[in-house]
N, C-alpha and C. Protein backbone atom coordinates (compact mmCIF):
# COMPACT_ATOMS: atom_id res chain seq x y z
N MET A 1 17.36 -41.17 13.78
CA MET A 1 16.68 -42.45 13.85
C MET A 1 17.71 -43.55 14.04
N SER A 2 17.47 -44.46 14.97
CA SER A 2 18.42 -45.53 15.21
C SER A 2 18.29 -46.61 14.14
N ASP A 3 19.31 -47.49 14.08
CA ASP A 3 19.32 -48.54 13.06
C ASP A 3 18.13 -49.49 13.19
N ASP A 4 17.80 -49.88 14.44
CA ASP A 4 16.69 -50.83 14.57
C ASP A 4 15.36 -50.18 14.21
N GLU A 5 15.21 -48.85 14.38
CA GLU A 5 13.99 -48.19 13.94
C GLU A 5 13.89 -48.24 12.42
N ASN A 6 15.01 -48.03 11.74
CA ASN A 6 15.01 -48.10 10.28
C ASN A 6 14.67 -49.49 9.78
N GLU A 7 15.17 -50.51 10.49
CA GLU A 7 14.87 -51.88 10.08
C GLU A 7 13.40 -52.20 10.25
N ARG A 8 12.78 -51.65 11.31
CA ARG A 8 11.37 -51.93 11.56
C ARG A 8 10.46 -51.08 10.69
N ARG A 9 10.97 -49.98 10.15
CA ARG A 9 10.14 -49.10 9.34
C ARG A 9 9.62 -49.84 8.12
N ARG A 10 8.32 -49.71 7.90
CA ARG A 10 7.73 -50.37 6.74
C ARG A 10 7.14 -49.32 5.82
N ASP A 11 7.08 -49.62 4.54
CA ASP A 11 6.41 -48.73 3.62
C ASP A 11 4.92 -48.97 3.76
N LEU A 12 4.23 -47.98 4.25
CA LEU A 12 2.80 -48.13 4.51
C LEU A 12 1.98 -47.54 3.38
N ARG A 13 0.77 -48.02 3.26
CA ARG A 13 -0.15 -47.48 2.27
C ARG A 13 -0.50 -46.06 2.68
N MET A 14 -0.29 -45.12 1.78
CA MET A 14 -0.60 -43.72 2.04
C MET A 14 -1.88 -43.34 1.29
N PRO A 15 -2.54 -42.27 1.75
CA PRO A 15 -3.79 -41.89 1.10
C PRO A 15 -3.57 -41.43 -0.34
N ASN A 16 -4.49 -41.81 -1.23
CA ASN A 16 -4.43 -41.28 -2.59
C ASN A 16 -5.16 -39.93 -2.61
N ASP A 17 -5.45 -39.39 -3.77
CA ASP A 17 -5.97 -38.03 -3.89
C ASP A 17 -7.21 -37.75 -3.04
N ASP A 18 -8.16 -38.69 -3.00
CA ASP A 18 -9.43 -38.43 -2.33
C ASP A 18 -9.45 -38.88 -0.88
N GLU A 19 -8.51 -39.73 -0.47
CA GLU A 19 -8.58 -40.33 0.86
C GLU A 19 -7.94 -39.44 1.93
N VAL A 20 -8.41 -39.61 3.17
CA VAL A 20 -7.82 -38.91 4.32
C VAL A 20 -7.67 -39.90 5.47
N PHE A 21 -6.67 -39.63 6.34
CA PHE A 21 -6.51 -40.42 7.56
C PHE A 21 -7.66 -40.10 8.49
N ALA A 22 -8.08 -41.09 9.29
CA ALA A 22 -9.12 -40.87 10.28
C ALA A 22 -8.92 -41.81 11.46
N VAL A 23 -9.43 -41.41 12.61
CA VAL A 23 -9.39 -42.24 13.81
C VAL A 23 -10.83 -42.59 14.17
N VAL A 24 -11.08 -43.87 14.44
CA VAL A 24 -12.42 -44.32 14.79
C VAL A 24 -12.75 -43.81 16.19
N THR A 25 -13.87 -43.09 16.33
CA THR A 25 -14.26 -42.55 17.63
C THR A 25 -15.45 -43.30 18.22
N ASN A 26 -16.25 -43.94 17.38
CA ASN A 26 -17.48 -44.57 17.86
C ASN A 26 -17.91 -45.69 16.92
N MET A 27 -18.39 -46.79 17.49
CA MET A 27 -18.96 -47.86 16.69
C MET A 27 -20.48 -47.62 16.68
N LEU A 28 -21.07 -47.52 15.49
CA LEU A 28 -22.50 -47.21 15.40
C LEU A 28 -23.36 -48.43 15.12
N GLY A 29 -22.74 -49.55 14.76
CA GLY A 29 -23.51 -50.73 14.41
C GLY A 29 -23.95 -50.67 12.96
N ALA A 30 -24.46 -51.80 12.46
CA ALA A 30 -24.91 -51.88 11.06
C ALA A 30 -23.80 -51.43 10.12
N ASN A 31 -22.59 -51.94 10.34
CA ASN A 31 -21.37 -51.66 9.57
C ASN A 31 -21.09 -50.17 9.34
N ARG A 32 -21.44 -49.34 10.33
CA ARG A 32 -21.12 -47.92 10.26
C ARG A 32 -20.32 -47.52 11.50
N ILE A 33 -19.41 -46.57 11.31
CA ILE A 33 -18.58 -46.07 12.41
C ILE A 33 -18.52 -44.55 12.34
N ARG A 34 -18.18 -43.94 13.45
CA ARG A 34 -17.97 -42.49 13.50
C ARG A 34 -16.47 -42.27 13.49
N VAL A 35 -15.97 -41.40 12.63
CA VAL A 35 -14.53 -41.15 12.53
C VAL A 35 -14.24 -39.66 12.62
N ARG A 36 -13.06 -39.34 13.17
CA ARG A 36 -12.55 -37.97 13.19
C ARG A 36 -11.44 -37.91 12.17
N CYS A 37 -11.66 -37.19 11.10
CA CYS A 37 -10.72 -37.16 9.98
C CYS A 37 -9.61 -36.14 10.21
N ALA A 38 -8.49 -36.36 9.51
CA ALA A 38 -7.33 -35.48 9.63
C ALA A 38 -7.65 -34.07 9.13
N ASP A 39 -8.67 -33.91 8.29
CA ASP A 39 -9.03 -32.57 7.81
C ASP A 39 -9.96 -31.85 8.80
N GLY A 40 -10.16 -32.45 9.99
CA GLY A 40 -10.93 -31.79 11.05
C GLY A 40 -12.42 -32.07 11.03
N VAL A 41 -12.89 -32.86 10.09
CA VAL A 41 -14.33 -33.13 9.95
C VAL A 41 -14.67 -34.46 10.62
N GLU A 42 -15.78 -34.48 11.38
CA GLU A 42 -16.31 -35.75 11.92
C GLU A 42 -17.25 -36.32 10.87
N ARG A 43 -17.06 -37.59 10.54
CA ARG A 43 -17.89 -38.20 9.50
C ARG A 43 -18.44 -39.53 9.97
N THR A 44 -19.55 -39.93 9.36
CA THR A 44 -20.06 -41.28 9.53
C THR A 44 -19.48 -42.09 8.37
N ALA A 45 -18.75 -43.16 8.69
CA ALA A 45 -18.10 -43.94 7.64
C ALA A 45 -18.75 -45.32 7.56
N ARG A 46 -18.78 -45.83 6.35
CA ARG A 46 -19.37 -47.14 6.09
C ARG A 46 -18.25 -48.14 5.85
N ILE A 47 -18.37 -49.32 6.47
CA ILE A 47 -17.40 -50.39 6.24
C ILE A 47 -17.93 -51.21 5.07
N PRO A 48 -17.21 -51.26 3.95
CA PRO A 48 -17.72 -51.97 2.78
C PRO A 48 -17.79 -53.48 3.02
N GLY A 49 -18.63 -54.16 2.28
CA GLY A 49 -18.83 -55.60 2.43
C GLY A 49 -17.56 -56.41 2.31
N ARG A 50 -16.64 -55.98 1.46
CA ARG A 50 -15.41 -56.76 1.25
C ARG A 50 -14.53 -56.74 2.50
N MET A 51 -14.75 -55.81 3.42
CA MET A 51 -13.94 -55.72 4.63
C MET A 51 -14.65 -56.29 5.86
N GLN A 52 -15.98 -56.41 5.81
CA GLN A 52 -16.76 -56.66 7.01
C GLN A 52 -16.34 -57.88 7.81
N LYS A 53 -16.21 -59.02 7.21
CA LYS A 53 -15.90 -60.23 7.96
C LYS A 53 -14.40 -60.51 8.04
N ARG A 54 -13.60 -59.82 7.24
CA ARG A 54 -12.17 -60.09 7.18
C ARG A 54 -11.35 -59.19 8.09
N ILE A 55 -11.77 -57.94 8.22
CA ILE A 55 -10.98 -56.96 8.97
C ILE A 55 -11.85 -56.41 10.09
N TRP A 56 -11.38 -56.57 11.33
CA TRP A 56 -12.13 -56.07 12.47
C TRP A 56 -11.67 -54.67 12.80
N ILE A 57 -12.62 -53.76 12.90
CA ILE A 57 -12.32 -52.36 13.20
C ILE A 57 -12.86 -52.05 14.58
N ARG A 58 -12.01 -51.42 15.41
CA ARG A 58 -12.41 -51.07 16.78
C ARG A 58 -12.18 -49.58 17.01
N GLU A 59 -12.72 -49.07 18.13
CA GLU A 59 -12.49 -47.67 18.48
C GLU A 59 -11.00 -47.41 18.61
N ASP A 60 -10.57 -46.22 18.24
CA ASP A 60 -9.18 -45.76 18.27
C ASP A 60 -8.30 -46.36 17.18
N ASP A 61 -8.86 -47.18 16.29
CA ASP A 61 -8.09 -47.66 15.14
C ASP A 61 -7.87 -46.50 14.16
N VAL A 62 -6.76 -46.54 13.46
CA VAL A 62 -6.48 -45.56 12.41
C VAL A 62 -6.89 -46.19 11.08
N VAL A 63 -7.68 -45.46 10.30
CA VAL A 63 -8.18 -45.96 9.03
C VAL A 63 -7.99 -44.90 7.95
N LEU A 64 -8.10 -45.32 6.71
CA LEU A 64 -8.20 -44.38 5.59
C LEU A 64 -9.66 -44.34 5.17
N VAL A 65 -10.17 -43.15 4.96
CA VAL A 65 -11.55 -43.03 4.46
C VAL A 65 -11.57 -42.20 3.19
N ASP A 66 -12.58 -42.48 2.38
CA ASP A 66 -12.79 -41.76 1.13
C ASP A 66 -14.11 -40.99 1.26
N PRO A 67 -14.05 -39.68 1.56
CA PRO A 67 -15.29 -38.90 1.73
C PRO A 67 -16.13 -38.91 0.45
N TRP A 68 -17.44 -38.94 0.66
CA TRP A 68 -18.34 -38.93 -0.48
C TRP A 68 -18.34 -37.54 -1.12
N ASP A 69 -18.38 -37.51 -2.45
CA ASP A 69 -18.41 -36.23 -3.17
C ASP A 69 -19.71 -35.48 -2.93
N TRP A 70 -20.80 -36.21 -2.85
CA TRP A 70 -22.12 -35.59 -2.80
C TRP A 70 -22.62 -35.36 -1.38
N GLN A 71 -21.94 -35.92 -0.36
CA GLN A 71 -22.35 -35.75 1.03
C GLN A 71 -21.08 -35.78 1.88
N ASP A 72 -20.52 -34.61 2.17
CA ASP A 72 -19.20 -34.55 2.79
C ASP A 72 -19.17 -35.12 4.20
N GLU A 73 -20.32 -35.23 4.87
CA GLU A 73 -20.30 -35.75 6.23
C GLU A 73 -20.31 -37.28 6.28
N LYS A 74 -20.24 -37.91 5.12
CA LYS A 74 -20.18 -39.38 5.06
C LYS A 74 -18.96 -39.82 4.26
N ALA A 75 -18.54 -41.07 4.50
CA ALA A 75 -17.33 -41.58 3.84
C ALA A 75 -17.37 -43.10 3.81
N ASP A 76 -16.48 -43.67 3.01
CA ASP A 76 -16.29 -45.12 2.97
C ASP A 76 -14.90 -45.44 3.53
N VAL A 77 -14.81 -46.49 4.35
CA VAL A 77 -13.51 -46.94 4.86
C VAL A 77 -12.82 -47.70 3.72
N THR A 78 -11.57 -47.36 3.45
CA THR A 78 -10.84 -48.06 2.38
C THR A 78 -9.68 -48.90 2.93
N TRP A 79 -9.23 -48.61 4.17
CA TRP A 79 -8.06 -49.32 4.69
C TRP A 79 -8.01 -49.17 6.21
N ARG A 80 -7.53 -50.22 6.89
CA ARG A 80 -7.30 -50.13 8.33
C ARG A 80 -5.84 -50.45 8.61
N TYR A 81 -5.21 -49.64 9.47
CA TYR A 81 -3.82 -49.86 9.84
C TYR A 81 -3.73 -50.69 11.12
N GLU A 82 -2.74 -51.58 11.17
CA GLU A 82 -2.44 -52.31 12.41
C GLU A 82 -1.91 -51.31 13.44
N LYS A 83 -1.90 -51.71 14.71
CA LYS A 83 -1.44 -50.80 15.77
C LYS A 83 0.00 -50.35 15.53
N SER A 84 0.88 -51.27 15.14
CA SER A 84 2.29 -50.89 14.92
C SER A 84 2.41 -49.91 13.74
N GLU A 85 1.57 -50.10 12.72
CA GLU A 85 1.60 -49.18 11.57
C GLU A 85 1.09 -47.81 11.98
N ALA A 86 0.04 -47.77 12.82
CA ALA A 86 -0.49 -46.50 13.30
C ALA A 86 0.55 -45.77 14.13
N ASP A 87 1.28 -46.51 14.98
CA ASP A 87 2.35 -45.90 15.78
C ASP A 87 3.42 -45.29 14.89
N GLN A 88 3.76 -46.00 13.80
CA GLN A 88 4.76 -45.48 12.86
C GLN A 88 4.25 -44.20 12.19
N LEU A 89 2.97 -44.17 11.81
CA LEU A 89 2.39 -42.96 11.19
C LEU A 89 2.46 -41.78 12.16
N ARG A 90 2.20 -42.04 13.45
CA ARG A 90 2.28 -40.97 14.43
C ARG A 90 3.72 -40.49 14.60
N ARG A 91 4.67 -41.42 14.67
CA ARG A 91 6.09 -41.05 14.82
C ARG A 91 6.56 -40.19 13.65
N GLU A 92 6.09 -40.52 12.45
CA GLU A 92 6.53 -39.78 11.25
C GLU A 92 5.72 -38.52 11.02
N GLY A 93 4.74 -38.25 11.87
CA GLY A 93 4.01 -36.98 11.80
C GLY A 93 2.87 -36.94 10.79
N HIS A 94 2.44 -38.10 10.28
CA HIS A 94 1.33 -38.10 9.32
C HIS A 94 -0.01 -37.89 10.00
N ILE A 95 -0.13 -38.39 11.25
CA ILE A 95 -1.37 -38.22 12.02
C ILE A 95 -1.03 -37.76 13.42
N GLN A 96 -2.02 -37.21 14.11
CA GLN A 96 -1.84 -36.72 15.48
C GLN A 96 -1.90 -37.85 16.47
């Protein structure tokens, strides 16, 4: 790794025990999105009210989701990464 890459490297929020990385594949409307999770499962994810007007989520964004315990095909979005942060996650091998 070159020096300028190390300088640009930031400590990013990583998933906690229940969370998984996901890539937004489809916008469904009504604050719901379709995501492809790192564990190989396609889920319908809900954007919580605290994020709706503050953070804009688009297709191909990398997000963290928290799958529901009682319905594995659904999840809640907990975090969205900026494009530069997503690129860093890909470089470091955390996501495809």
